């Protein structure tokens, strides 16, 4: 999975052979919308037009007899207020969270969780306490990210932690 953060809550995600663009507010200055969505298989606007589900679970993988040359499109679902999940074939669930989310289940322990905005240290500690995801990425201001690293580094217990840089793609 390749993840590019463009600032605010705008992301371009390469996952499961498809490109998903989540448009939000606060995109990197100088990024042309036409370029951002170019070649995207799924384009969705943060908080608009995304179906929500409190009891969401990842889709069952396709069986070999069901697979053809075209893979399923990734599914984008809201997880309460301020969070969405991207479920793409062959990838772990990707949670983009600009606020608290109450999703639970074993799948959260395998997920990649991206925390966006403010309160990264507190929100990260709450998620580590509740679920211990496989990987966490922080998308926020430099002071927020520094504070989160200082607060979370001794609590990770096997969870990977990275900081996202605006406009820089990261393979996870």
Protein backbone atom coordinates (compact mmCIF):
# COMPACT_ATOMS: atom_id res chain seq x y z
CA UNK A 1 0.00 0.00 0.00
CA UNK A 2 1.27 3.44 -0.89
CA UNK A 3 -0.08 6.41 1.03
CA UNK A 4 0.36 10.09 0.18
CA UNK A 5 -0.87 12.79 2.53
CA UNK A 6 -1.53 16.18 0.94
CA UNK A 7 -2.28 18.08 4.13
CA UNK A 8 -5.44 18.38 6.21
CA UNK A 9 -7.44 15.23 5.55
CA UNK A 10 -6.64 14.80 1.84
CA UNK A 11 -5.03 11.49 0.83
CA UNK A 12 -4.16 9.49 -2.29
CA UNK A 13 -3.96 5.77 -1.62
CA UNK A 14 -2.64 3.01 -3.91
CA UNK A 15 -4.07 -0.24 -2.55
CA UNK A 16 -5.17 -3.54 -3.99
CA UNK A 17 -4.34 -2.52 -7.55
CA UNK A 18 -6.54 0.59 -7.36
CA UNK A 19 -6.16 4.26 -6.54
CA UNK A 20 -8.42 5.83 -3.91
CA UNK A 21 -8.50 9.59 -3.39
CA UNK A 22 -10.06 10.99 -0.23
CA UNK A 23 -10.61 14.69 -0.68
CA UNK A 24 -10.71 16.82 2.40
CA UNK A 25 -9.93 20.33 3.46
CA UNK A 26 -6.46 21.77 3.83
CA UNK A 27 -4.74 20.18 0.84
CA UNK A 28 -1.14 21.15 0.11
CA UNK A 29 -0.95 24.52 -1.63
CA UNK A 30 -0.03 24.10 -5.27
CA UNK A 31 -1.70 20.70 -5.67
CA UNK A 32 -4.04 20.79 -8.64
CA UNK A 33 -7.30 18.88 -8.04
CA UNK A 34 -7.20 17.47 -11.58
CA UNK A 35 -3.75 16.06 -10.87
CA UNK A 36 -4.82 14.75 -7.45
CA UNK A 37 -7.72 12.70 -8.86
CA UNK A 38 -6.02 11.76 -12.14
CA UNK A 39 -6.22 8.01 -12.70
CA UNK A 40 -8.17 7.40 -9.50
CA UNK A 41 -10.53 4.43 -9.42
CA UNK A 42 -12.45 5.75 -6.40
CA UNK A 43 -12.80 9.43 -5.46
CA UNK A 44 -14.67 10.31 -2.30
CA UNK A 45 -15.11 13.47 -0.33
CA UNK A 46 -14.42 13.39 3.40
CA UNK A 47 -17.74 13.32 5.26
CA UNK A 48 -19.85 13.44 2.13
CA UNK A 49 -21.33 10.49 0.31
CA UNK A 50 -19.54 7.90 2.43
CA UNK A 51 -21.82 5.21 3.84
CA UNK A 52 -21.40 4.71 7.60
CA UNK A 53 -21.39 1.50 9.56
CA UNK A 54 -20.83 1.10 13.30
CA UNK A 55 -20.32 -2.67 13.08
CA UNK A 56 -18.11 -2.69 9.99
CA UNK A 57 -15.90 -5.72 9.28
CA UNK A 58 -13.49 -6.31 6.41
CA UNK A 59 -14.95 -8.02 3.36
CA UNK A 60 -14.23 -11.71 2.97
CA UNK A 61 -11.42 -12.33 0.48
CA UNK A 62 -12.47 -13.51 -2.94
CA UNK A 63 -12.10 -17.23 -3.56
CA UNK A 64 -9.97 -18.31 -6.51
CA UNK A 65 -13.07 -19.22 -8.51
CA UNK A 66 -14.46 -15.70 -7.99
CA UNK A 67 -11.36 -13.84 -9.08
CA UNK A 68 -11.23 -12.58 -12.63
CA UNK A 69 -8.90 -10.14 -14.32
CA UNK A 70 -10.61 -7.17 -12.69
CA UNK A 71 -10.32 -6.91 -8.93
CA UNK A 72 -13.10 -5.48 -6.78
CA UNK A 73 -13.02 -1.76 -6.20
CA UNK A 74 -11.89 -0.79 -2.72
CA UNK A 75 -14.70 -0.12 -0.26
CA UNK A 76 -14.73 3.20 1.63
CA UNK A 77 -16.93 3.27 4.74
CA UNK A 78 -17.43 5.78 7.56
CA UNK A 79 -16.61 4.67 11.10
CA UNK A 80 -18.66 7.11 13.11
CA UNK A 81 -17.82 10.77 13.35
CA UNK A 82 -14.45 11.72 11.89
CA UNK A 83 -13.10 8.38 10.65
CA UNK A 84 -13.26 6.27 7.51
CA UNK A 85 -11.88 2.88 6.55
CA UNK A 86 -10.56 1.81 3.16
CA UNK A 87 -10.87 -1.92 2.51
CA UNK A 88 -8.95 -3.09 -0.58
CA UNK A 89 -8.38 -6.68 -1.68
CA UNK A 90 -5.04 -8.06 -0.50
CA UNK A 91 -4.39 -5.19 1.93
CA UNK A 92 -4.92 -4.58 5.63
CA UNK A 93 -7.77 -2.19 6.48
CA UNK A 94 -6.68 1.46 6.40
CA UNK A 95 -8.36 3.75 8.95
CA UNK A 96 -8.12 7.51 8.42
CA UNK A 97 -9.14 9.19 11.67
CA UNK A 98 -9.45 12.94 12.13
CA UNK A 99 -11.39 12.33 15.35
CA UNK A 100 -12.17 9.56 17.79
CA UNK A 101 -13.65 6.37 16.42
CA UNK A 102 -15.21 3.50 18.28
CA UNK A 103 -14.60 0.65 15.85
CA UNK A 104 -13.70 -2.60 17.51
CA UNK A 105 -13.02 -6.17 16.54
CA UNK A 106 -10.01 -8.28 15.79
CA UNK A 107 -9.53 -6.52 12.48
CA UNK A 108 -8.40 -3.32 14.29
CA UNK A 109 -5.31 -5.18 15.54
CA UNK A 110 -4.28 -5.82 11.92
CA UNK A 111 -5.13 -2.34 10.64
CA UNK A 112 -3.06 0.63 9.56
CA UNK A 113 -4.42 3.63 11.48
CA UNK A 114 -3.64 7.16 10.34
CA UNK A 115 -4.30 9.80 12.98
CA UNK A 116 -4.92 13.24 11.49
CA UNK A 117 -4.84 16.70 13.02
CA UNK A 118 -4.65 17.50 16.71
CA UNK A 119 -4.55 15.48 19.92
CA UNK A 120 -2.39 12.81 18.29
CA UNK A 121 -0.73 11.70 21.54
CA UNK A 122 -4.00 11.23 23.44
CA UNK A 123 -5.83 9.61 20.53
CA UNK A 124 -2.85 7.35 19.78
CA UNK A 125 -2.63 6.23 23.42
CA UNK A 126 -6.36 5.43 23.45
CA UNK A 127 -6.09 3.30 20.30
CA UNK A 128 -3.01 1.48 21.59
CA UNK A 129 -4.82 0.74 24.84
CA UNK A 130 -7.94 -0.51 23.07
CA UNK A 131 -6.66 -2.40 20.05
CA UNK A 132 -2.90 -2.23 19.43
CA UNK A 133 -3.02 -1.84 15.61
CA UNK A 134 -0.24 -3.23 13.46
CA UNK A 135 0.84 0.21 12.34
CA UNK A 136 0.07 3.87 13.13
CA UNK A 137 0.91 6.92 11.04
CA UNK A 138 0.68 10.49 12.28
CA UNK A 139 -0.46 13.32 9.98
CA UNK A 140 -0.27 16.65 11.74
CA UNK A 141 1.81 19.66 12.62
CA UNK A 142 5.41 19.21 13.68
CA UNK A 143 4.77 20.01 17.37
CA UNK A 144 1.81 17.57 17.51
CA UNK A 145 3.83 14.78 15.90
CA UNK A 146 6.84 15.38 18.17
CA UNK A 147 4.62 15.29 21.27
CA UNK A 148 2.95 12.10 20.06
CA UNK A 149 6.27 10.35 19.45
CA UNK A 150 7.47 11.32 22.93
CA UNK A 151 4.26 10.08 24.55
CA UNK A 152 3.82 6.87 22.53
CA UNK A 153 7.33 5.50 21.96
CA UNK A 154 7.38 3.38 25.15
CA UNK A 155 3.80 2.12 24.70
CA UNK A 156 3.95 0.71 21.16
CA UNK A 157 4.46 -2.98 22.08
CA UNK A 158 5.05 -4.06 18.47
CA UNK A 159 2.98 -1.37 16.71
CA UNK A 160 4.94 0.47 14.02
CA UNK A 161 4.85 4.28 14.18
CA UNK A 162 5.74 6.81 11.47
CA UNK A 163 5.16 10.48 10.75
CA UNK A 164 3.72 11.46 7.37
CA UNK A 165 5.22 14.39 5.47
CA UNK A 166 2.95 16.46 3.24
CA UNK A 167 3.26 15.47 -0.41
CA UNK A 168 5.64 12.57 0.29
CA UNK A 169 4.46 9.07 -0.63
CA UNK A 170 5.15 6.28 1.88
CA UNK A 171 5.03 2.53 1.25
CA UNK A 172 3.50 0.74 4.23
